Structure formats: structure tokens, C-alpha cells
Amino acid sequence: MNHFSKDTKTAIEAKEEAQRIAFGPVIFQAAQAMRKNGLLLTIRNAGKEGITIADAAQKTGLSVYGARVLMEAALGMGVCTLNDGKYAITKTGFFLLYDDLTIANIDFVDDVCYNGLAYLEESIATGKPEGLKVFGNWPTIYEGLSSLPEQVQKSWFAFDHHFSDGSFPVVLKYVLALDIKKLIDIGGNTGKWAISCVQQSPGIEVTIMDLPGQLAMAEKRIREMGYADRIHFHPVNILDEQEQFPKGHDAIWMSQFLDCFSETEITSILKRCYAALEDTGYLLILENFWDCQKHAAAAFSIQMTSLYFTALANGNSQLYDSELFKKSVFDAGFTIEKQIDYIGEAGHTLLICRKAKPVT
């Protein structure tokens, strides 16, 4: 769905929007400060009657000055209203406090992205994740994920899992209906998908393929849960084109994985999937495409997340436009048997792919 075909703003509205972009980092930091120091919650707890600056300062332990500058900023941000000297929370402020999607996004941007995005221009110029240097000297964030600071890891995984957790139960029904007995999960991360599979289907076995550091975290959890007999591990550097994928599986699954690679790399990975699968096998891809969203806000979130990949993750990938992405699927020799859009709150798309029939 194209939410971006027309410029609908008046000149005044456009200029206002430009100011919001200009002060975007200030708005972000003010919102986070109010979340973390309890000021936004204090205003929320005051209800519709609202609260004065002095009372809010007293309840939070902030100075009157500190409470004042943040609460006045909150007016322009659309987070609060002001009537008769009292501040009350708006719907936007409520979402900042309680909406799971907003919380996952804002903490991810704060803990993972904020400092590294200062190197976005440099990353665009070099094609490398120049912002990753704020955390360490790895070629991509994935090699360093297990070594990131605890809070950064927490926000990274909360963001990643939020977008998958709501979709996995829906998608699992489609996958299990294919009567798959042996599945490869490429980029299995913490093992959440593999665990869901074996919990829902007693006859299925899953092999997780990922970097050794990632597999170590997943394997520990899986052994503790007692699934080591049905979930197996295959360490691999997916970018090494000499690494061939194990054969003898009914399907290959990738969730929010191929967006970690450039179009050329995606095609290379999918060609190796093609070589590993029998002619009757399935290639199953779950991704967020910005052009397959019901709401403009969802498309916006996906487009902005692409810049995390540019500045911090790897420097050359993104959350794709579906048509650009599907070209790599076709170039690797697959056809798309079914495309299912609008899955879960995160607006995932499931591509059920098969090997294209040879031209006779």
C-alpha cells in the first residue's frame, strides 16, 4: 500500500513538520527524560484535572526549573495539555508510557541507535556501519551482539522480539499446515522460533544455523528447556559463500534475517538455499516490507529502522520494498507460491516459496 503518493500538507503544515524534524533529537531526549525520571507518569497519575509544575516537581523530586522546562516542552511535543495552570497527559503521552510498540522503538533508538546514528552520513559514504564504533570494533553488530552492554542487549532483543512475538503464533499455523518434519532455521537468534515449532508439533526437528556466539546463547536456553534432542545447531558465517547448507530438510525458514544483507548477498544466500532443498521443499521468509503496511505510521517505523542497518548493523542492508526484495527471490530460482501480508501488529509478510519449474 502506497502511503506516500501525494504531498497533502499545506505550506504552514509543512513548515511546522520541518521544525519537528529540526528539533527531533531534542524532542526524543525530552520524552525519554520524562519517562525515566517519573515526570510523565506523575502527570498521568494526576488524571484529567492535571497537575501544576510545582506539585509535579515536589512529587518527582525534580527542581521546579527542571520540571518546568520539560513540561513546557511537552506542550509543543503534543504530550501534555495546559489548562488553568495544570498539565494533563494526552493520548500521545499515554502511548509513550504504556504502548508496547512505542516502548520497544524508543528504547531501541535510545540504547542501540542514538549515538551511532551520528555517523550516518559517514556510513552512507563508505558503505560500512561506522556508528558501530561506539560499541566496539566488529565488522557488523552481529559478531558483537553477545558482547554489547547489558542494557543495549536488552533493548536490542526487546525490539527484535516485539516484532516477531506477535506474528509467530499466526505464522506457525501456516508453516505447520505444510506438514514439515525437518526444518532449517537460518539466523535463529535466541531460538524462539525453533522452540515454538517443537512445542506445537511433536514430530518436527529444527536445525538452527547462526554465528557461533549467537548459537551459544540459544543452545544454553534450549538445553535448559529440555529440547536438545529435537533442536540442533549448525554454526556458520552466512556470508562465506563456500559454506553450503545441510541437505535433507523439508523447508528452510528465515525470519527477519535477510534484511541483514544487501540484495547481492540475499541472492547468494537464497541460491544456497535452492541447492540445499529438494524439488518438493519449501523456502519460508518472514519480513517487514514498508510498502506492505496498512498504516503510514508502520511504514514510517520500518523506513526509519533501515537507517539502523546503515549506521550500526552492517552498512549495506535495510528493511526492503517488497518488489526489490522479491527480485532476489526470483533471481535465486524460486517462485512465490503464496504471499500473506498484514500479519500481526508488526505487519509482517510471509512468502511461501518453491523452486521454480524448469523451462521445457
Protein backbone atom coordinates (compact mmCIF):
# COMPACT_ATOMS: atom_id res chain seq x y z
CA MET A 1 0.00 0.00 0.00
CA ASN A 2 1.44 3.36 -1.06
CA HIS A 3 1.02 5.93 1.71
CA PHE A 4 3.45 8.34 0.06
CA SER A 5 2.00 9.18 -3.34
CA LYS A 6 0.81 12.73 -2.53
CA ASP A 7 2.00 15.80 -0.70
CA THR A 8 -1.14 16.65 1.29
CA LYS A 9 0.22 19.26 3.73
CA THR A 10 -0.40 22.96 3.39
CA ALA A 11 2.63 25.25 3.38
CA ILE A 12 2.09 26.09 7.06
CA GLU A 13 1.74 22.42 8.00
CA ALA A 14 4.85 21.56 6.01
CA LYS A 15 6.87 24.26 7.77
CA GLU A 16 5.65 23.00 11.16
CA GLU A 17 6.70 19.48 10.22
CA ALA A 18 10.12 20.78 9.17
CA GLN A 19 10.58 22.30 12.63
CA ARG A 20 9.74 18.95 14.22
CA ILE A 21 12.46 17.36 12.12
CA ALA A 22 14.91 20.12 13.07
CA PHE A 23 14.24 19.60 16.77
CA GLY A 24 13.76 15.82 16.51
CA PRO A 25 16.72 14.89 18.76
CA VAL A 26 15.57 17.41 21.38
CA ILE A 27 12.02 16.01 21.35
CA PHE A 28 13.39 12.49 21.71
CA GLN A 29 15.62 13.32 24.66
CA ALA A 30 12.88 15.26 26.42
CA ALA A 31 10.45 12.36 26.05
CA GLN A 32 12.97 9.88 27.39
CA ALA A 33 13.86 12.14 30.31
CA MET A 34 10.20 12.43 31.28
CA ARG A 35 9.76 8.66 31.05
CA LYS A 36 12.85 7.88 33.09
CA ASN A 37 12.57 10.50 35.85
CA GLY A 38 8.90 9.72 36.50
CA LEU A 39 7.57 13.10 35.42
CA LEU A 40 5.35 11.72 32.65
CA LEU A 41 3.90 9.08 34.98
CA THR A 42 3.24 11.72 37.63
CA ILE A 43 1.29 13.80 35.12
CA ARG A 44 -0.61 10.67 34.07
CA ASN A 45 -1.50 9.84 37.66
CA ALA A 46 -2.94 13.34 38.15
CA GLY A 47 -5.74 12.38 35.77
CA LYS A 48 -7.92 14.77 33.80
CA GLU A 49 -7.66 17.52 36.42
CA GLY A 50 -3.95 17.79 35.77
CA ILE A 51 -1.10 18.96 37.97
CA THR A 52 0.88 22.17 38.46
CA ILE A 53 4.59 22.43 37.76
CA ALA A 54 5.32 22.94 41.47
CA ASP A 55 3.34 19.88 42.52
CA ALA A 56 4.92 17.74 39.79
CA ALA A 57 8.37 18.86 40.90
CA GLN A 58 7.59 18.01 44.52
CA LYS A 59 6.24 14.55 43.70
CA THR A 60 9.18 13.60 41.44
CA GLY A 61 11.97 15.22 43.45
CA LEU A 62 12.91 17.40 40.49
CA SER A 63 13.68 21.08 40.78
CA VAL A 64 10.88 23.41 39.76
CA TYR A 65 13.10 24.59 36.93
CA GLY A 66 13.71 21.04 35.68
CA ALA A 67 10.03 20.15 35.81
CA ARG A 68 9.10 23.42 34.13
CA VAL A 69 11.35 23.17 31.07
CA LEU A 70 10.31 19.57 30.43
CA MET A 71 6.59 20.17 30.93
CA GLU A 72 6.61 23.24 28.72
CA ALA A 73 8.47 21.27 26.05
CA ALA A 74 5.84 18.53 26.41
CA LEU A 75 3.18 21.00 25.27
CA GLY A 76 4.87 21.56 21.92
CA MET A 77 5.57 17.85 21.63
CA GLY A 78 1.87 17.09 21.97
CA VAL A 79 2.47 15.05 25.11
CA CYS A 80 0.57 17.34 27.50
CA THR A 81 -2.22 19.88 27.54
CA LEU A 82 -2.33 23.01 29.75
CA ASN A 83 -5.49 24.43 31.30
CA ASP A 84 -5.73 26.80 34.28
CA GLY A 85 -2.07 26.26 35.13
CA LYS A 86 -2.38 22.47 35.25
CA TYR A 87 -0.80 19.93 32.91
CA ALA A 88 -2.60 16.76 31.82
CA ILE A 89 -1.38 13.90 29.68
CA THR A 90 -2.53 13.46 26.07
CA LYS A 91 -3.10 10.24 24.15
CA THR A 92 0.42 10.60 22.74
CA GLY A 93 1.84 10.80 26.25
CA PHE A 94 -0.18 7.74 27.22
CA PHE A 95 1.32 5.75 24.34
CA LEU A 96 4.81 6.80 25.41
CA LEU A 97 4.13 5.27 28.81
CA TYR A 98 2.16 2.14 28.02
CA ASP A 99 2.24 1.14 24.35
CA ASP A 100 4.49 -1.89 23.83
CA LEU A 101 5.42 -0.93 20.27
CA THR A 102 6.36 2.62 21.25
CA ILE A 103 8.39 1.43 24.23
CA ALA A 104 10.28 -1.13 22.14
CA ASN A 105 11.03 1.50 19.48
CA ILE A 106 12.07 4.34 21.79
CA ASP A 107 14.34 2.20 23.98
CA PHE A 108 15.92 0.63 20.88
CA VAL A 109 16.67 4.04 19.41
CA ASP A 110 17.97 5.33 22.76
CA ASP A 111 20.18 2.43 23.83
CA VAL A 112 21.21 0.93 20.49
CA CYS A 113 20.99 3.61 17.80
CA TYR A 114 21.24 7.13 19.17
CA ASN A 115 24.99 7.67 19.45
CA GLY A 116 25.85 5.58 16.41
CA LEU A 117 23.45 7.46 14.16
CA ALA A 118 25.74 10.47 14.45
CA TYR A 119 27.89 8.56 11.93
CA LEU A 120 25.07 8.02 9.43
CA GLU A 121 26.49 10.37 6.79
CA GLU A 122 29.87 8.67 7.05
CA SER A 123 28.23 5.24 6.81
CA ILE A 124 26.37 6.27 3.65
CA ALA A 125 29.66 7.40 2.12
CA THR A 126 31.66 4.27 3.00
CA GLY A 127 29.01 1.54 2.92
CA LYS A 128 30.18 0.41 6.36
CA PRO A 129 28.49 0.64 9.80
CA GLU A 130 30.67 3.47 11.02
CA GLY A 131 28.43 4.09 14.04
CA LEU A 132 29.21 0.65 15.45
CA LYS A 133 32.49 2.06 16.74
CA VAL A 134 30.59 3.48 19.74
CA PHE A 135 30.32 -0.12 21.00
CA GLY A 136 33.35 -1.95 19.58
CA ASN A 137 35.45 -2.89 16.59
CA TRP A 138 33.38 -5.56 14.83
CA PRO A 139 32.64 -5.66 11.09
CA THR A 140 28.91 -5.94 11.87
CA ILE A 141 26.81 -5.73 15.01
CA TYR A 142 26.01 -9.44 14.85
CA GLU A 143 29.54 -10.55 15.71
CA GLY A 144 29.45 -8.25 18.72
CA LEU A 145 25.89 -8.82 19.86
CA SER A 146 26.81 -11.16 22.70
CA SER A 147 29.40 -8.64 23.93
CA LEU A 148 27.26 -5.49 23.89
CA PRO A 149 26.49 -3.80 27.24
CA GLU A 150 23.64 -5.48 29.11
CA GLN A 151 21.14 -2.64 28.65
CA VAL A 152 21.94 -2.39 24.94
CA GLN A 153 21.39 -6.15 24.53
CA LYS A 154 18.14 -5.89 26.47
CA SER A 155 16.75 -3.17 24.22
CA TRP A 156 18.02 -4.88 21.04
CA PHE A 157 16.31 -8.16 21.88
CA ALA A 158 13.14 -6.44 23.15
CA PHE A 159 12.88 -4.64 19.82
CA ASP A 160 13.62 -7.76 17.79
CA HIS A 161 11.24 -9.94 19.78
CA HIS A 162 8.41 -7.43 19.79
CA PHE A 163 8.25 -7.61 16.03
CA SER A 164 8.34 -11.40 15.97
CA ASP A 165 6.37 -12.40 19.07
CA GLY A 166 3.02 -11.13 17.82
CA SER A 167 3.47 -12.77 14.43
CA PHE A 168 4.93 -16.16 15.33
CA PRO A 169 1.65 -17.70 16.62
CA VAL A 170 -0.14 -16.67 13.41
CA VAL A 171 2.63 -17.75 11.06
CA LEU A 172 3.18 -21.05 12.87
CA LYS A 173 -0.25 -22.23 11.74
CA TYR A 174 0.67 -21.69 8.10
CA VAL A 175 4.03 -23.43 8.48
CA LEU A 176 2.80 -26.47 10.39
CA ALA A 177 0.00 -26.94 7.85
CA LEU A 178 2.74 -27.78 5.32
CA ASP A 179 3.49 -31.00 7.26
CA ILE A 180 7.17 -30.19 7.68
CA LYS A 181 9.23 -32.72 9.63
CA LYS A 182 12.74 -31.29 9.34
CA LEU A 183 13.31 -27.55 9.24
CA ILE A 184 16.39 -25.34 8.99
CA ASP A 185 16.09 -22.03 10.86
CA ILE A 186 18.71 -19.69 9.41
CA GLY A 187 19.52 -16.79 11.71
CA GLY A 188 17.72 -18.43 14.61
CA ASN A 189 18.92 -15.87 17.14
CA THR A 190 17.77 -16.88 20.65
CA GLY A 191 15.93 -19.96 19.37
CA LYS A 192 12.45 -18.57 19.92
CA TRP A 193 11.08 -19.80 16.57
CA ALA A 194 12.66 -23.24 16.93
CA ILE A 195 11.23 -23.60 20.43
CA SER A 196 7.78 -22.57 19.20
CA CYS A 197 7.95 -25.22 16.47
CA VAL A 198 8.85 -28.14 18.73
CA GLN A 199 6.33 -27.06 21.35
CA GLN A 200 3.49 -27.01 18.83
CA SER A 201 4.47 -30.00 16.70
CA PRO A 202 5.79 -33.15 18.43
CA GLY A 203 7.09 -34.60 15.17
CA ILE A 204 9.27 -31.73 13.97
CA GLU A 205 13.04 -31.29 14.30
CA VAL A 206 14.78 -27.96 13.79
CA THR A 207 18.40 -27.14 12.95
CA ILE A 208 19.40 -23.59 13.87
CA MET A 209 22.10 -22.03 11.70
CA ASP A 210 23.78 -18.89 13.01
CA LEU A 211 27.05 -17.38 14.13
CA PRO A 212 28.79 -19.31 16.94
CA GLY A 213 28.21 -16.55 19.52
CA GLN A 214 24.51 -16.46 18.78
CA LEU A 215 24.21 -20.24 18.87
CA ALA A 216 25.91 -20.39 22.27
CA MET A 217 23.18 -18.20 23.78
CA ALA A 218 20.41 -20.18 22.11
CA GLU A 219 21.89 -23.59 22.96
CA LYS A 220 22.12 -22.80 26.68
CA ARG A 221 18.46 -21.86 26.83
CA ILE A 222 17.30 -24.81 24.72
CA ARG A 223 19.20 -27.34 26.81
CA GLU A 224 17.70 -25.88 29.97
CA MET A 225 14.23 -26.30 28.45
CA GLY A 226 14.89 -29.94 27.54
CA TYR A 227 14.63 -29.63 23.74
CA ALA A 228 18.22 -30.51 22.81
CA ASP A 229 17.10 -33.83 21.30
CA ARG A 230 14.94 -32.07 18.69
CA ILE A 231 16.74 -28.77 18.17
CA HIS A 232 20.20 -29.00 16.64
CA PHE A 233 22.89 -26.40 15.94
CA HIS A 234 24.98 -25.66 12.87
CA PRO A 235 27.48 -22.77 13.32
CA VAL A 236 28.06 -20.84 10.13
CA ASN A 237 29.20 -17.50 8.77
CA ILE A 238 26.39 -16.98 6.30
CA LEU A 239 28.44 -14.52 4.25
CA ASP A 240 31.06 -17.16 3.45
CA GLU A 241 29.86 -18.32 0.03
CA GLN A 242 31.88 -21.53 0.43
CA GLU A 243 29.60 -22.53 3.31
CA GLN A 244 26.95 -24.80 1.85
CA PHE A 245 23.76 -25.53 3.75
CA PRO A 246 22.93 -29.02 5.01
CA LYS A 247 20.58 -31.08 2.87
CA GLY A 248 17.82 -33.47 3.85
CA HIS A 249 15.33 -30.91 5.23
CA ASP A 250 11.76 -30.25 4.14
CA ALA A 251 11.98 -26.50 4.49
CA ILE A 252 14.23 -23.54 5.20
CA TRP A 253 12.89 -20.77 7.41
CA MET A 254 14.21 -17.20 7.76
CA SER A 255 12.52 -14.62 9.98
CA GLN A 256 13.68 -11.00 9.97
CA PHE A 257 17.01 -12.32 8.73
CA LEU A 258 17.53 -11.43 5.09
CA ASP A 259 17.04 -7.73 5.85
CA CYS A 260 20.50 -8.00 7.42
CA PHE A 261 22.06 -8.29 3.96
CA SER A 262 22.40 -6.42 0.67
CA GLU A 263 20.45 -7.52 -2.41
CA THR A 264 23.52 -9.29 -3.80
CA GLU A 265 24.10 -11.12 -0.53
CA ILE A 266 20.43 -12.09 -0.29
CA THR A 267 20.58 -13.63 -3.75
CA SER A 268 23.72 -15.57 -2.78
CA ILE A 269 22.09 -16.91 0.39
CA LEU A 270 18.94 -17.91 -1.47
CA LYS A 271 20.93 -19.70 -4.17
CA ARG A 272 22.50 -21.85 -1.44
CA CYS A 273 19.00 -22.47 -0.06
CA TYR A 274 18.00 -23.58 -3.55
CA ALA A 275 20.91 -26.03 -3.69
CA ALA A 276 20.08 -27.48 -0.26
CA LEU A 277 16.37 -28.07 -0.85
CA GLU A 278 14.75 -30.96 -2.68
CA ASP A 279 12.38 -30.03 -5.50
CA THR A 280 9.44 -30.54 -3.12
CA GLY A 281 10.94 -28.35 -0.38
CA TYR A 282 9.70 -25.00 0.88
CA LEU A 283 11.51 -21.71 1.35
CA LEU A 284 9.69 -19.67 4.02
CA ILE A 285 10.56 -16.00 4.50
CA LEU A 286 9.05 -13.68 7.13
CA GLU A 287 9.90 -9.99 6.67
CA ASN A 288 8.63 -6.45 7.21
CA PHE A 289 8.22 -4.60 3.92
CA TRP A 290 7.48 -0.89 4.16
CA ASP A 291 5.22 -0.97 1.09
CA CYS A 292 3.07 -3.79 2.58
CA GLN A 293 1.69 -1.89 5.58
CA LYS A 294 -1.89 -0.88 6.31
CA HIS A 295 -0.89 2.28 8.16
CA ALA A 296 1.54 5.05 7.26
CA ALA A 297 2.98 5.04 10.81
CA ALA A 298 4.03 1.42 10.39
CA ALA A 299 5.69 2.15 7.05
CA PHE A 300 7.45 5.13 8.66
CA SER A 301 8.82 2.98 11.50
CA ILE A 302 10.19 0.46 9.03
CA GLN A 303 11.80 3.12 6.86
CA MET A 304 13.49 4.69 9.89
CA THR A 305 14.71 1.31 11.12
CA SER A 306 16.56 0.87 7.83
CA LEU A 307 18.95 3.60 8.94
CA TYR A 308 19.95 1.49 11.96
CA PHE A 309 21.18 -1.12 9.47
CA THR A 310 23.10 1.56 7.60
CA ALA A 311 24.82 3.20 10.57
CA LEU A 312 25.24 0.33 13.03
CA ALA A 313 24.29 -3.14 11.83
CA ASN A 314 26.25 -3.71 8.62
CA GLY A 315 26.24 -0.62 6.40
CA ASN A 316 24.59 -2.16 3.34
CA SER A 317 21.14 -3.57 4.17
CA GLN A 318 17.69 -2.34 5.08
CA LEU A 319 14.04 -3.24 5.57
CA TYR A 320 13.11 -3.54 1.93
CA ASP A 321 10.45 -2.54 -0.51
CA SER A 322 8.80 -5.88 -1.33
CA GLU A 323 9.29 -5.65 -5.10
CA LEU A 324 13.02 -5.04 -4.74
CA PHE A 325 13.30 -7.92 -2.27
CA LYS A 326 11.31 -10.37 -4.40
CA LYS A 327 13.69 -9.79 -7.32
CA SER A 328 16.38 -11.58 -5.28
CA VAL A 329 13.95 -14.46 -4.63
CA PHE A 330 13.30 -14.84 -8.35
CA ASP A 331 16.98 -14.42 -9.27
CA ALA A 332 17.83 -17.33 -6.97
CA GLY A 333 15.48 -19.64 -8.86
CA PHE A 334 12.40 -19.58 -6.65
CA THR A 335 8.80 -18.73 -7.34
CA ILE A 336 6.41 -17.31 -4.74
CA GLU A 337 3.56 -19.72 -4.22
CA LYS A 338 1.76 -17.50 -1.71
CA GLN A 339 2.24 -14.06 -0.17
CA ILE A 340 0.43 -13.31 3.10
CA ASP A 341 0.51 -9.68 4.25
CA TYR A 342 -0.57 -7.78 7.38
CA ILE A 343 0.47 -10.48 9.86
CA GLY A 344 0.40 -9.34 13.48
CA GLU A 345 0.75 -5.82 14.83
CA ALA A 346 4.18 -5.53 13.21
CA GLY A 347 2.73 -6.00 9.72
CA HIS A 348 4.86 -8.95 8.66
CA THR A 349 4.67 -10.58 5.26
CA LEU A 350 5.13 -14.34 4.83
CA LEU A 351 6.48 -15.52 1.50
CA ILE A 352 5.90 -19.23 0.83
CA CYS A 353 8.33 -20.10 -1.96
CA ARG A 354 9.06 -23.18 -4.06
CA LYS A 355 11.68 -23.99 -6.63
CA ALA A 356 10.63 -22.64 -10.00
CA LYS A 357 9.84 -25.34 -12.53
CA PRO A 358 12.49 -25.62 -15.23
CA VAL A 359 11.52 -24.18 -18.61
CA THR A 360 10.95 -27.02 -21.08
